[in-house]
Protein backbone atom coordinates (compact mmCIF):
# COMPACT_ATOMS: atom_id res chain seq x y z
CA MET A 1 0.00 0.00 0.00
CA LEU A 2 1.25 3.46 -0.92
CA THR A 3 2.14 5.59 2.10
CA GLY A 4 4.30 8.58 2.87
CA THR A 5 4.30 12.31 2.23
CA VAL A 6 4.04 14.40 -0.91
CA PRO A 7 7.54 15.00 -2.40
CA PRO A 8 8.92 18.51 -1.76
CA THR A 9 9.68 19.27 -5.43
CA ASP A 10 7.35 19.67 -8.41
CA GLU A 11 9.31 17.05 -10.34
CA GLY A 12 8.95 14.68 -7.41
CA VAL A 13 5.18 15.19 -7.33
CA VAL A 14 4.87 14.50 -11.07
CA SER A 15 7.04 11.39 -10.74
CA ALA A 16 5.01 10.05 -7.80
CA VAL A 17 1.74 10.56 -9.67
CA CYS A 18 3.10 8.92 -12.85
CA ASP A 19 4.40 5.93 -10.89
CA ALA A 20 1.09 5.45 -9.06
CA TYR A 21 -1.09 5.65 -12.15
CA SER A 22 1.28 3.49 -14.21
CA SER A 23 0.88 0.85 -11.53
CA ILE A 24 -2.90 1.17 -11.72
CA ALA A 25 -2.76 0.77 -15.52
CA ARG A 26 -0.61 -2.36 -15.24
CA ASP A 27 -2.65 -3.99 -12.47
CA GLY A 28 -6.07 -2.90 -13.70
CA ALA A 29 -9.14 -2.00 -11.67
CA HIS A 30 -12.07 -4.10 -10.52
CA ILE A 31 -14.71 -3.71 -13.23
CA GLU A 32 -17.50 -3.52 -10.66
CA TYR A 33 -15.74 -0.80 -8.69
CA ALA A 34 -14.95 1.20 -11.84
CA ALA A 35 -18.59 1.02 -12.91
CA VAL A 36 -19.80 2.25 -9.51
CA VAL A 37 -17.48 5.28 -9.67
CA ALA A 38 -18.28 6.05 -13.31
CA GLU A 39 -22.03 5.94 -12.71
CA ALA A 40 -21.69 8.00 -9.52
CA PHE A 41 -20.08 10.80 -11.52
CA GLY A 42 -22.52 10.90 -14.41
CA TYR A 43 -21.71 8.22 -16.98
CA THR A 44 -24.82 6.34 -18.08
CA VAL A 45 -25.10 2.57 -18.24
CA GLU A 46 -25.54 2.89 -22.02
CA GLN A 47 -22.32 4.88 -22.35
CA LEU A 48 -20.36 2.37 -20.30
CA LYS A 49 -21.71 -0.53 -22.34
CA SER A 50 -20.63 1.19 -25.58
CA ILE A 51 -16.90 1.15 -24.74
CA PRO A 52 -14.41 -1.46 -23.46
CA ALA A 53 -14.75 -2.07 -19.72
CA GLU A 54 -11.00 -1.50 -19.34
CA SER A 55 -11.33 2.10 -20.55
CA HIS A 56 -12.86 3.29 -17.28
CA MET A 57 -10.88 2.50 -14.14
CA GLY A 58 -12.73 4.29 -11.35
CA LEU A 59 -10.50 7.40 -11.54
CA SER A 60 -12.96 10.02 -12.80
CA CYS A 61 -14.85 12.73 -10.94
CA GLY A 62 -17.34 13.68 -13.65
CA ASN A 63 -18.46 13.20 -17.24
CA PRO A 64 -17.22 16.10 -19.39
CA VAL A 65 -18.39 14.51 -22.64
CA ALA A 66 -22.01 14.78 -21.53
CA VAL A 67 -21.95 18.59 -21.72
CA ALA A 68 -19.17 19.20 -24.25
CA SER A 69 -21.53 19.05 -27.27
CA VAL A 70 -18.86 17.44 -29.44
CA LYS A 71 -19.78 17.68 -33.12
CA GLU A 72 -18.70 15.46 -36.00
CA GLY A 73 -15.47 16.66 -37.56
CA GLU A 74 -14.25 18.58 -34.51
CA THR A 75 -10.78 18.23 -33.05
CA VAL A 76 -11.00 17.17 -29.40
CA LEU A 77 -8.12 17.12 -26.92
CA ASP A 78 -8.43 15.09 -23.71
CA LEU A 79 -5.88 16.07 -21.06
CA GLY A 80 -4.66 13.06 -19.12
CA SER A 81 -6.92 10.62 -20.97
CA GLY A 82 -6.29 7.71 -18.60
CA ALA A 83 -7.46 4.47 -20.19
CA GLY A 84 -9.43 6.41 -22.79
CA ILE A 85 -13.02 6.64 -21.54
CA ASP A 86 -13.72 10.24 -22.60
CA VAL A 87 -11.75 9.99 -25.86
CA LEU A 88 -13.69 6.88 -26.89
CA LEU A 89 -17.05 8.42 -25.98
CA ALA A 90 -16.22 11.66 -27.78
CA ALA A 91 -15.04 9.75 -30.84
CA GLN A 92 -17.68 7.21 -30.77
CA LYS A 93 3.35 4.62 -21.68
CA ASP A 94 1.41 2.11 -19.44
CA MET A 95 -1.66 4.26 -19.33
CA VAL A 96 -1.10 5.42 -22.92
CA ASN A 97 -0.60 1.85 -24.14
CA LEU A 98 -3.80 0.78 -22.38
CA ALA A 99 -5.72 3.65 -23.98
CA ARG A 100 -4.37 2.72 -27.43
CA LYS A 101 -5.44 -0.89 -26.98
CA ASN A 102 -8.94 0.22 -25.97
CA ALA A 103 -9.16 2.48 -29.03
CA ILE A 104 -8.26 -0.44 -31.29
CA LYS A 105 -11.03 -2.52 -29.69
CA GLN A 106 -13.46 0.19 -30.76
CA GLY A 107 -12.05 0.32 -34.29
CA TYR A 108 -10.43 3.75 -33.85
CA ARG A 109 -6.99 4.25 -35.37
CA PRO A 110 -4.64 7.17 -35.94
CA PRO A 111 -5.11 9.86 -37.05
CA GLN A 112 -8.78 9.69 -36.00
CA VAL A 113 -7.76 8.93 -32.42
CA VAL A 114 -4.18 9.54 -31.31
CA PHE A 115 -2.76 9.14 -27.79
CA ILE A 116 0.41 11.10 -27.00
CA GLN A 117 2.63 10.55 -23.98
CA THR A 118 3.78 13.91 -22.64
CA LYS A 119 4.08 15.75 -19.35
CA LEU A 120 1.14 18.09 -18.78
CA THR A 121 3.46 20.39 -16.87
CA GLN A 122 5.39 21.03 -20.11
CA PRO A 123 4.36 22.74 -23.39
CA MET A 124 2.05 20.44 -25.33
CA PRO A 125 3.06 19.19 -28.81
CA VAL A 126 -0.17 20.63 -30.21
CA ALA A 127 -0.46 23.49 -32.71
CA THR A 128 -1.70 26.89 -31.56
CA ALA A 129 -5.41 27.58 -32.17
CA SER A 130 -6.04 24.09 -33.56
CA VAL A 131 -8.49 22.44 -31.12
CA ASP A 132 -12.28 22.85 -30.96
CA CYS A 133 -12.88 21.28 -27.56
CA ILE A 134 -10.70 20.31 -24.60
CA LEU A 135 -11.79 17.79 -21.98
CA SER A 136 -10.19 17.02 -18.64
CA ASN A 137 -11.44 14.61 -16.01
CA CYS A 138 -9.92 14.67 -12.52
CA VAL A 139 -6.38 15.41 -13.70
CA ILE A 140 -5.48 19.05 -13.04
CA ASN A 141 -5.65 18.62 -9.25
CA LEU A 142 -2.85 16.04 -9.49
CA LEU A 143 -0.37 18.58 -10.84
CA PRO A 144 1.85 20.81 -8.69
CA ASP A 145 0.59 24.39 -8.52
CA ALA A 146 3.07 25.64 -11.13
CA GLY A 147 1.99 22.80 -13.40
CA LYS A 148 -1.68 23.75 -13.01
CA THR A 149 -0.86 27.31 -14.07
CA ALA A 150 1.19 26.19 -17.07
CA LEU A 151 -1.40 23.68 -18.27
CA LEU A 152 -4.31 26.12 -18.18
CA LYS A 153 -2.29 28.63 -20.20
CA GLU A 154 -1.49 25.88 -22.70
CA THR A 155 -5.17 24.97 -23.04
CA TYR A 156 -5.95 28.58 -23.91
CA ARG A 157 -3.13 28.62 -26.47
CA VAL A 158 -4.21 25.50 -28.36
CA LEU A 159 -7.94 26.27 -28.44
CA LYS A 160 -9.37 27.83 -31.56
CA PRO A 161 -11.13 31.18 -31.11
CA GLY A 162 -14.51 30.25 -29.66
CA GLY A 163 -13.17 26.85 -28.64
CA ARG A 164 -14.48 25.41 -25.40
CA LEU A 165 -12.98 23.83 -22.29
CA VAL A 166 -14.90 21.38 -20.08
CA VAL A 167 -13.11 20.30 -16.91
CA ASP A 168 -14.28 17.95 -14.19
CA ASP A 169 -12.10 18.36 -11.14
CA ILE A 170 -11.91 18.28 -7.36
CA ILE A 171 -11.98 21.61 -5.48
CA ALA A 172 -11.09 22.10 -1.81
CA ARG A 173 -13.93 23.22 0.47
CA LYS A 174 -11.53 24.84 2.94
CA PRO A 175 -7.82 25.39 3.54
CA PHE A 176 -6.02 22.09 4.10
CA PRO A 177 -3.83 21.63 7.16
CA ASP A 178 -0.30 20.42 6.52
CA THR A 179 -1.29 16.89 7.56
CA VAL A 180 -3.76 16.70 4.66
CA ARG A 181 -1.75 18.72 2.13
CA SER A 182 1.30 16.48 2.64
CA ASP A 183 -0.59 13.15 2.62
CA LEU A 184 0.65 11.28 -0.48
CA PRO A 185 -2.24 8.78 -0.74
CA ALA A 186 -4.66 11.73 -0.52
CA HIS A 187 -2.78 13.49 -3.31
CA ILE A 188 -2.79 10.42 -5.56
CA GLY A 189 -6.49 10.13 -4.71
CA CYS A 190 -7.13 13.64 -6.11
CA ILE A 191 -7.81 15.37 -2.79
CA SER A 192 -4.78 17.03 -1.21
CA GLY A 193 -3.63 18.72 -4.43
CA ALA A 194 -6.99 20.45 -4.89
CA LEU A 195 -7.25 24.23 -5.03
CA GLN A 196 -9.91 26.28 -3.31
CA LEU A 197 -12.61 27.79 -5.54
CA GLU A 198 -11.24 31.34 -5.65
CA GLN A 199 -7.72 30.07 -6.32
CA TYR A 200 -9.02 28.05 -9.27
CA ARG A 201 -10.99 31.04 -10.59
CA ALA A 202 -7.84 33.18 -10.44
CA LEU A 203 -5.80 30.61 -12.40
CA MET A 204 -8.48 30.39 -15.09
CA LYS A 205 -8.65 34.16 -15.43
CA ASP A 206 -4.87 34.45 -15.56
CA ALA A 207 -4.80 31.85 -18.37
CA GLY A 208 -7.24 33.97 -20.42
CA PHE A 209 -10.59 32.37 -19.54
CA THR A 210 -12.46 35.44 -18.27
CA ASP A 211 -15.95 33.88 -18.25
CA ALA A 212 -15.35 30.49 -16.60
CA LEU A 213 -18.40 28.95 -14.94
CA PHE A 214 -17.96 26.68 -11.91
CA VAL A 215 -20.77 24.28 -10.96
CA GLU A 216 -20.64 21.94 -7.97
CA THR A 217 -21.93 18.57 -9.17
CA GLY A 218 -22.70 16.98 -5.81
CA GLY A 219 -20.74 13.80 -6.50
CA ASP A 220 -20.03 11.62 -3.47
CA LEU A 221 -16.24 11.44 -3.11
CA GLU A 222 -16.61 8.60 -0.63
CA VAL A 223 -17.45 6.40 -3.62
CA TYR A 224 -13.69 6.13 -4.18
CA LYS A 225 -13.70 3.82 -1.13
CA SER A 226 -16.54 1.72 -2.53
CA PRO A 227 -16.08 -2.05 -2.91
CA GLY A 228 -18.56 -2.06 -5.81
CA PRO A 229 -21.67 -4.20 -6.20
CA THR A 230 -19.83 -7.39 -5.24
CA GLY A 231 -19.39 -6.07 -1.67
CA SER A 232 -21.78 -6.40 1.22
CA GLY A 233 -24.11 -3.67 0.01
CA ALA A 234 -23.46 -1.50 3.04
CA PRO A 235 -22.63 2.20 2.59
CA PRO A 236 -19.06 2.78 1.33
CA SER A 237 -17.90 4.43 4.54
CA SER A 238 -19.32 1.83 6.90
CA PRO A 239 -16.84 -0.30 8.90
CA SER A 240 -18.17 -3.52 7.42
CA THR A 241 -16.92 -2.67 3.94
CA LYS A 242 -13.54 -1.04 4.62
CA CYS A 243 -11.60 -4.30 4.17
CA CYS A 244 -13.27 -4.88 0.83
CA ALA A 245 -12.87 -1.27 -0.24
CA ALA A 246 -9.09 -1.34 0.02
CA ALA A 247 -9.01 -4.41 -2.20
CA ALA A 248 -11.48 -3.05 -4.78
CA SER A 249 -10.28 0.52 -5.21
CA PRO A 250 -7.12 0.98 -7.31
CA LEU A 251 -6.45 4.25 -5.47
CA PRO A 252 -4.27 4.26 -2.35
CA GLN A 253 -6.34 4.49 0.81
CA THR A 254 -5.96 7.65 2.88
CA THR A 255 -6.66 8.18 6.56
CA ILE A 256 -7.80 11.81 6.40
CA GLY A 257 -11.44 10.92 7.10
CA ASN A 258 -14.59 11.64 5.10
CA LEU A 259 -13.47 13.01 1.73
CA ASN A 260 -16.66 15.06 1.27
CA GLU A 261 -15.76 17.17 4.29
CA TRP A 262 -12.54 18.27 2.64
CA ALA A 263 -13.45 18.67 -1.03
CA ALA A 264 -16.17 18.58 -3.68
CA SER A 265 -16.51 17.63 -7.35
CA TYR A 266 -17.00 20.50 -9.79
CA GLN A 267 -17.57 20.94 -13.49
CA ILE A 268 -15.93 23.98 -15.08
CA TYR A 269 -16.98 25.50 -18.42
CA ALA A 270 -15.04 28.13 -20.36
CA ARG A 271 -14.56 29.47 -23.89
CA LYS A 272 -11.69 31.15 -25.65
CA VAL A 273 -13.03 34.58 -26.48
CA SER A 274 -11.61 36.19 -29.60
CA SER A 275 -12.58 38.97 -31.99
CA ASP A 276 -11.06 37.03 -34.92
CA ASN A 277 -14.13 35.16 -36.16
CA GLU A 278 -12.35 33.78 -39.23
CA ALA A 279 -9.35 32.34 -37.37
CA ALA A 280 -11.13 29.11 -36.42
CA ASP A 281 -11.70 28.29 -40.11
CA LYS A 282 -8.00 28.79 -40.86
CA SER A 283 -6.70 26.64 -38.01
CA PRO A 284 -3.77 24.25 -38.63
CA PRO A 285 -3.86 20.51 -37.94
CA ALA A 286 -3.53 19.89 -34.20
CA LEU A 287 -0.79 17.32 -34.82
CA ASP A 288 1.28 17.90 -37.93
CA ARG A 289 3.13 14.58 -37.50
CA TRP A 290 0.95 12.39 -35.30
CA TRP A 291 3.03 9.33 -36.11
CA ASP A 292 5.96 10.71 -34.12
CA ALA A 293 3.96 9.86 -30.97
CA TYR A 294 4.29 6.13 -31.65
CA PRO A 295 7.53 4.38 -30.66
CA LYS A 296 9.50 2.92 -33.55
CA ASP A 297 13.08 1.77 -34.03
CA ASN A 298 15.17 3.63 -36.60
CA LEU A 299 17.68 1.54 -38.56
CA THR A 300 20.50 3.05 -40.57
CA SER A 301 21.22 2.02 -44.15
CA SER A 302 24.32 0.15 -43.00
CA GLU A 303 22.30 -1.83 -40.44
CA VAL A 304 19.75 -2.85 -43.06
CA ALA A 305 22.53 -3.66 -45.53
CA SER A 306 24.11 -5.93 -42.91
CA LEU A 307 20.82 -7.79 -42.56
CA LEU A 308 20.62 -8.28 -46.32
CA ARG A 309 24.20 -9.56 -46.52
CA ASP A 310 23.80 -12.00 -43.61
CA PRO A 311 22.79 -15.43 -44.98
CA ASP A 312 21.71 -16.54 -41.51
CA ARG A 313 19.17 -13.75 -41.01
CA SER A 314 15.62 -14.17 -42.25
CA ASP A 315 13.67 -12.70 -39.34
CA TYR A 316 12.98 -9.36 -41.03
CA ALA A 317 10.91 -7.87 -43.84
CA ILE A 318 11.52 -4.68 -45.82
CA ILE A 319 8.40 -2.78 -46.81
CA ASP A 320 8.38 -0.11 -49.52
CA VAL A 321 5.28 2.07 -49.04
CA ARG A 322 5.85 4.34 -52.02
CA GLU A 323 3.41 4.52 -54.91
CA ASN A 324 4.43 5.35 -58.49
CA ASP A 325 7.81 6.68 -57.38
CA ARG A 326 8.84 3.07 -56.71
CA VAL A 327 9.80 2.76 -60.40
CA GLY A 328 13.06 4.57 -59.63
CA GLY A 329 14.34 1.41 -57.94
CA HIS A 330 13.91 -0.12 -54.52
CA VAL A 331 15.92 -1.79 -51.77
CA LEU A 332 16.69 -5.44 -52.47
CA GLU A 333 14.04 -7.89 -51.23
CA SER A 334 11.57 -5.13 -50.39
CA VAL A 335 7.84 -5.74 -50.80
CA GLN A 336 5.43 -2.99 -51.83
CA TRP A 337 2.47 -2.06 -49.60
CA ARG A 338 1.24 1.33 -50.73
CA ALA A 339 0.83 3.92 -48.00
CA ASP A 340 -2.49 5.18 -49.35
CA ALA A 341 -4.10 1.77 -48.69
CA PHE A 342 -2.01 0.56 -45.77
CA ALA A 343 -4.31 1.47 -42.87
CA GLY A 344 -7.20 -0.37 -44.48
CA SER A 345 -5.15 -3.52 -45.02
CA LEU A 346 -3.60 -3.86 -41.55
CA ASP A 347 -5.44 -7.12 -40.80
CA LYS A 348 -4.02 -8.74 -43.91
CA PHE A 349 -0.58 -7.23 -43.31
CA TYR A 350 -0.54 -8.56 -39.73
CA ASP A 351 -1.49 -12.05 -40.88
CA GLU A 352 1.57 -12.04 -43.11
CA TYR A 353 4.15 -10.27 -40.92
CA GLY A 354 2.87 -10.53 -37.33
CA LYS A 355 5.55 -13.11 -36.48
CA THR A 356 8.39 -11.23 -38.19
CA LYS A 357 10.90 -9.82 -35.71
CA GLN A 358 11.75 -6.61 -37.60
CA VAL A 359 9.38 -5.07 -40.12
CA ILE A 360 11.32 -2.24 -41.79
CA PHE A 361 9.36 0.50 -43.55
CA TYR A 362 10.66 3.12 -45.96
CA CYS A 363 9.55 5.65 -48.53
CA GLY A 364 11.54 8.29 -50.43
CA SER A 365 12.87 9.99 -47.31
CA SER A 366 11.15 7.93 -44.55
CA LYS A 367 9.99 11.18 -42.95
CA GLY A 368 6.37 10.84 -44.02
CA ARG A 369 4.76 7.74 -45.49
CA GLY A 370 7.35 5.29 -44.13
CA SER A 371 7.13 6.59 -40.56
CA ARG A 372 3.35 6.86 -40.77
CA CYS A 373 2.89 3.23 -41.86
CA ALA A 374 5.36 2.07 -39.21
CA ALA A 375 3.29 3.90 -36.59
CA TRP A 376 0.08 2.27 -37.82
CA TYR A 377 1.69 -1.16 -37.64
CA GLN A 378 3.23 -0.56 -34.20
CA ASP A 379 -0.11 0.66 -32.87
CA TYR A 380 -1.79 -2.43 -34.31
CA ILE A 381 0.61 -4.94 -32.78
CA ASN A 382 0.50 -3.11 -29.44
CA GLY A 383 -3.25 -3.55 -29.46
CA LYS A 384 -2.79 -7.25 -30.13
CA GLY A 385 -0.34 -7.54 -27.22
CA ASN A 386 2.25 -8.77 -29.71
CA THR A 387 5.85 -8.34 -28.52
CA GLU A 388 7.26 -10.74 -31.12
CA SER A 389 7.22 -8.21 -33.95
CA LYS A 390 8.52 -4.64 -34.08
CA ALA A 391 8.00 -1.73 -36.50
CA CYS A 392 11.21 -0.11 -37.74
CA VAL A 393 12.00 2.76 -40.10
CA LEU A 394 14.87 2.92 -42.59
CA GLU A 395 16.59 6.23 -41.86
CA GLY A 396 16.86 8.45 -44.92
CA GLY A 397 14.59 6.19 -46.96
CA TYR A 398 15.46 5.19 -50.50
CA HIS A 399 17.05 8.57 -51.19
CA GLY A 400 19.58 7.85 -48.46
CA TRP A 401 20.36 4.30 -49.63
CA ARG A 402 24.01 4.03 -50.71
CA TYR A 403 24.35 0.37 -51.67
CA PRO A 404 23.88 -0.03 -55.47
CA ASP A 405 24.53 -3.77 -55.24
CA LEU A 406 21.51 -4.08 -52.92
CA VAL A 407 18.97 -2.52 -55.25
CA ASP A 408 16.21 -4.00 -57.41
CA GLY A 409 14.76 -2.28 -60.44
CA LEU A 410 16.04 0.79 -62.24
CA SER A 411 18.30 2.60 -59.76
CA ALA A 412 18.80 6.32 -59.54
CA LEU A 413 21.55 5.99 -56.95
């Protein structure tokens, strides 16, 4: 069981939170417990049935999708998406990998749904004025105060003019004594890092959101201690269920008492006000190179040449994803799978190469189509739980290939 005090540095706080939630992602949450928490904070039974059970883990404090009015074709950013519940509803590293697997189960693939691993205390790899709607569910309270300030300013930056922000978060009812503020399990459990209402209002205004609306939702924070429907049926805070609660809840158990006495769940609404009414129509793509978010191995030309020259190596495949420009020649033994049809043929591609140790993709420069197809394949095999195969990219692509004796077709080398 997690115990101890909140680290004294911001970096320490971020590290402690990441470690705790990575552990939750690896170990999973009781499905019954997660359902109790999700329903307590506004998700309907129909919504929960429409997505993988693993995408909600009992870590939310609201349902931002319900009021976000997400429209078809909009770009939506979910801050700290967890296992993906709000992303999957809006779309209809451990935590990121879990979210990607859940997206695949729903049939969502990049670039329609992309999960990026990044620190929310740092500038986001998202283009300015590129997002229609931002969601956040019980995440901002986990950040150190400086991180909260930085993240809210980043949300304002990336929103399009008129773009909207919907945040579900925990807000402190009163000043916390040091014993509560320093309690690490209470911080991981979204309580001791909470701001008071006026502090939160000030941060929103400082970020640029001058018309933010705060609504207390009345959610019962004691539900985080609930053993779920498989328990005795007694109230969550009753002594008869405490032993079950510790086993059912993925959150560390705190000893600060009734959580509702310290804090409350709120929903926060805000818009980015701008006089530039045409700017939203001219917005750039939110992610110019979404495929960079997916881990891939880069192999140099010499490394691939060594594979081709080694008579004992056959555990690799070289994939040329170019289209008509393939007629200029291609790397020896490479097989063509055109990039424009690759995403739609992943099932067939996996059947053929899912047991191949290294699947090496390239295009003319390997900066676009090659990397993009490698990302699609890596995302696919991650969703399958396949660790036998690995997506790789040939650095420099065909234009950087310097081995004329290892070329098929008419060479322009």
